[in-house]
Protein backbone atom coordinates (compact mmCIF):
# COMPACT_ATOMS: atom_id res chain seq x y z
CA GLU A 1 77.92 83.33 118.12
CA LEU A 2 78.58 80.67 115.70
CA ILE A 3 77.98 82.99 112.80
CA ASN A 4 80.53 85.48 114.19
CA GLN A 5 82.98 82.81 114.74
CA ALA A 6 82.73 81.61 111.13
CA LEU A 7 82.89 85.24 109.78
CA GLU A 8 85.98 85.94 111.98
CA LEU A 9 87.67 82.70 110.86
CA ARG A 10 87.06 83.59 107.21
CA ASN A 11 88.31 87.16 107.87
CA VAL A 12 91.52 85.92 109.55
CA HIS A 13 92.24 83.48 106.71
CA SER A 14 91.59 86.24 104.14
CA VAL A 15 93.86 88.77 105.86
CA ALA A 16 96.59 86.14 106.22
CA ALA A 17 96.36 85.44 102.52
CA LEU A 18 96.80 89.09 101.72
CA GLU A 19 99.69 89.33 104.21
CA LYS A 20 101.54 86.37 102.76
CA HIS A 21 102.51 87.99 99.41
CA PRO A 22 102.68 91.68 100.15
CA SER A 23 104.83 92.51 97.14
CA ASP A 24 102.94 90.42 94.58
CA PRO A 25 99.41 91.48 94.09
CA VAL A 26 98.56 88.55 91.77
CA LYS A 27 99.61 85.91 94.30
CA ALA A 28 97.91 87.84 97.16
CA LEU A 29 94.64 87.99 94.92
CA ARG A 30 94.97 84.23 94.38
CA GLY A 31 95.37 83.52 98.07
CA TYR A 32 92.48 85.87 98.85
CA ILE A 33 90.16 83.97 96.52
CA ARG A 34 91.23 80.67 97.79
CA ALA A 35 90.89 81.49 101.44
CA PRO A 36 87.07 80.76 101.99
CA PHE A 37 87.52 77.28 100.42
CA GLU A 38 90.44 76.56 102.58
CA VAL A 39 88.44 77.50 105.62
CA ALA A 40 85.43 75.47 104.40
CA ALA A 41 87.83 72.48 103.83
CA LYS A 42 89.33 72.73 107.47
CA GLU A 43 85.95 73.55 109.05
CA PRO A 44 83.09 71.91 106.98
CA VAL A 45 80.35 72.92 109.51
CA PHE A 46 80.94 76.49 108.64
CA ARG A 47 79.48 75.70 105.11
CA SER A 48 76.07 75.53 106.48
CA VAL A 49 76.74 78.51 108.84
CA TRP A 50 77.67 80.78 105.92
CA MET A 51 74.54 79.63 104.11
CA TYR A 52 72.37 80.55 107.07
CA PHE A 53 74.21 83.92 107.40
CA TYR A 54 73.16 84.62 103.82
CA HIS A 55 69.62 83.64 104.54
CA LEU A 56 69.60 85.97 107.56
CA ALA A 57 71.17 88.72 105.51
CA ALA A 58 68.28 88.44 102.97
CA SER A 59 65.66 88.64 105.79
CA ASN A 60 66.92 90.39 108.79
CA LYS A 61 67.99 94.17 108.78
CA LYS A 62 70.80 93.69 111.43
CA PHE A 63 72.32 90.75 109.32
CA GLU A 64 71.79 92.71 106.10
CA GLU A 65 73.79 95.65 107.41
CA ALA A 66 76.50 93.27 108.59
CA ASN A 67 76.72 91.71 105.24
CA GLN A 68 76.85 94.97 103.43
CA MET A 69 79.90 96.07 105.65
CA ILE A 70 81.61 92.74 104.88
CA ARG A 71 80.97 93.14 101.18
CA VAL A 72 82.20 96.64 101.12
CA LEU A 73 85.35 95.69 102.95
CA GLY A 74 85.94 92.67 100.65
CA ARG A 75 85.44 94.80 97.55
CA GLU A 76 87.90 97.40 98.93
CA ARG A 77 90.39 94.74 99.42
CA ILE A 78 89.94 93.37 96.10
CA LEU A 79 90.03 96.82 94.40
CA GLY A 80 93.22 97.47 96.21
CA LEU A 81 94.86 94.41 94.63
CA VAL A 82 93.29 94.96 91.18
CA SER A 83 94.52 98.46 91.08
CA LEU A 84 98.13 97.15 92.03
CA ILE A 85 97.84 94.47 89.21
CA HIS A 86 96.55 97.12 86.74
CA GLU A 87 99.64 99.21 87.63
CA LYS A 88 102.13 96.43 87.19
CA ASN A 89 100.47 95.59 83.82
CA GLY A 90 101.15 99.08 82.60
CA ASN A 91 97.65 100.39 83.14
CA LYS A 92 96.50 98.33 80.09
CA LYS A 93 92.94 99.32 78.91
CA HIS A 94 90.23 97.00 80.10
CA GLU A 95 86.55 96.76 79.20
CA MET A 96 85.54 97.19 82.70
CA SER A 97 86.54 99.85 85.32
CA LEU A 98 88.66 98.63 88.21
CA THR A 99 85.66 99.06 90.42
CA GLU A 100 83.59 96.81 88.08
CA LEU A 101 86.35 94.26 88.00
CA ALA A 102 86.41 94.19 91.91
CA TYR A 103 82.70 93.79 91.94
CA SER A 104 82.64 91.00 89.50
CA ILE A 105 85.57 89.17 91.19
CA GLN A 106 83.54 89.36 94.51
CA GLY A 107 80.56 87.96 92.57
CA ILE A 108 82.53 85.09 91.21
CA MET A 109 83.86 84.27 94.62
CA THR A 110 80.34 84.31 96.40
CA GLY A 111 78.99 82.15 93.65
CA PHE A 112 81.63 79.68 94.02
CA VAL A 113 81.29 79.83 97.81
CA ILE A 114 77.56 79.09 97.55
CA MET A 115 78.41 76.20 95.19
CA VAL A 116 80.84 74.62 97.69
CA ALA A 117 78.55 75.27 100.63
CA THR A 118 75.60 73.28 98.93
CA ASP A 119 77.62 70.61 97.53
CA PRO A 120 77.19 67.36 99.54
CA ASN A 121 80.84 66.17 98.61
CA PRO A 122 82.68 69.22 97.54
CA ASN A 123 86.14 69.12 96.01
CA TYR A 124 87.57 72.31 97.59
CA ASP A 125 90.78 72.55 95.78
CA LEU A 126 89.10 72.06 92.52
CA ILE A 127 86.27 74.74 93.08
CA ALA A 128 88.92 77.11 94.44
CA ASP A 129 91.02 76.55 91.34
CA ARG A 130 88.07 77.22 89.21
CA ALA A 131 87.23 80.55 91.17
CA VAL A 132 90.85 81.65 90.77
CA LYS A 133 90.88 80.84 87.12
CA ALA A 134 87.61 82.66 86.42
CA CYS A 135 88.99 85.71 88.20
CA MET A 136 92.38 85.63 86.43
CA LEU A 137 90.58 85.21 82.94
CA LEU A 138 88.33 88.25 83.99
CA LEU A 139 91.66 90.26 84.72
CA GLU A 140 93.11 88.97 81.41
CA ILE A 141 96.18 87.44 83.48
């Protein structure tokens, strides 16, 4: 139950971040990247719940399937934003495909989320800023 609450809270914040900037995909992506860090800052107990979820996803078929669904949905959201950003930038040639960019952004986010979840005294804003910066550099923005 606690895992479901943590995942739902993260989802609500992620969707709210997307809806906050419907006409600016760069701002929407920045907000989407920051969302899990904002949740962790407001509800620090969920840091350990997320880590437990990742553990279960690596060792339990039910949680593995749930994690896959979450990852696919997240990548689709990111891909939609990356596609809009790419169009706004005049479809500029990039070394990676849009799908690869979305996958990489999700990986950066996941890595930074694990960092914040395992830091005994995390600076949520700093870590969120670094995650956003890394993703923007990847997109060459």
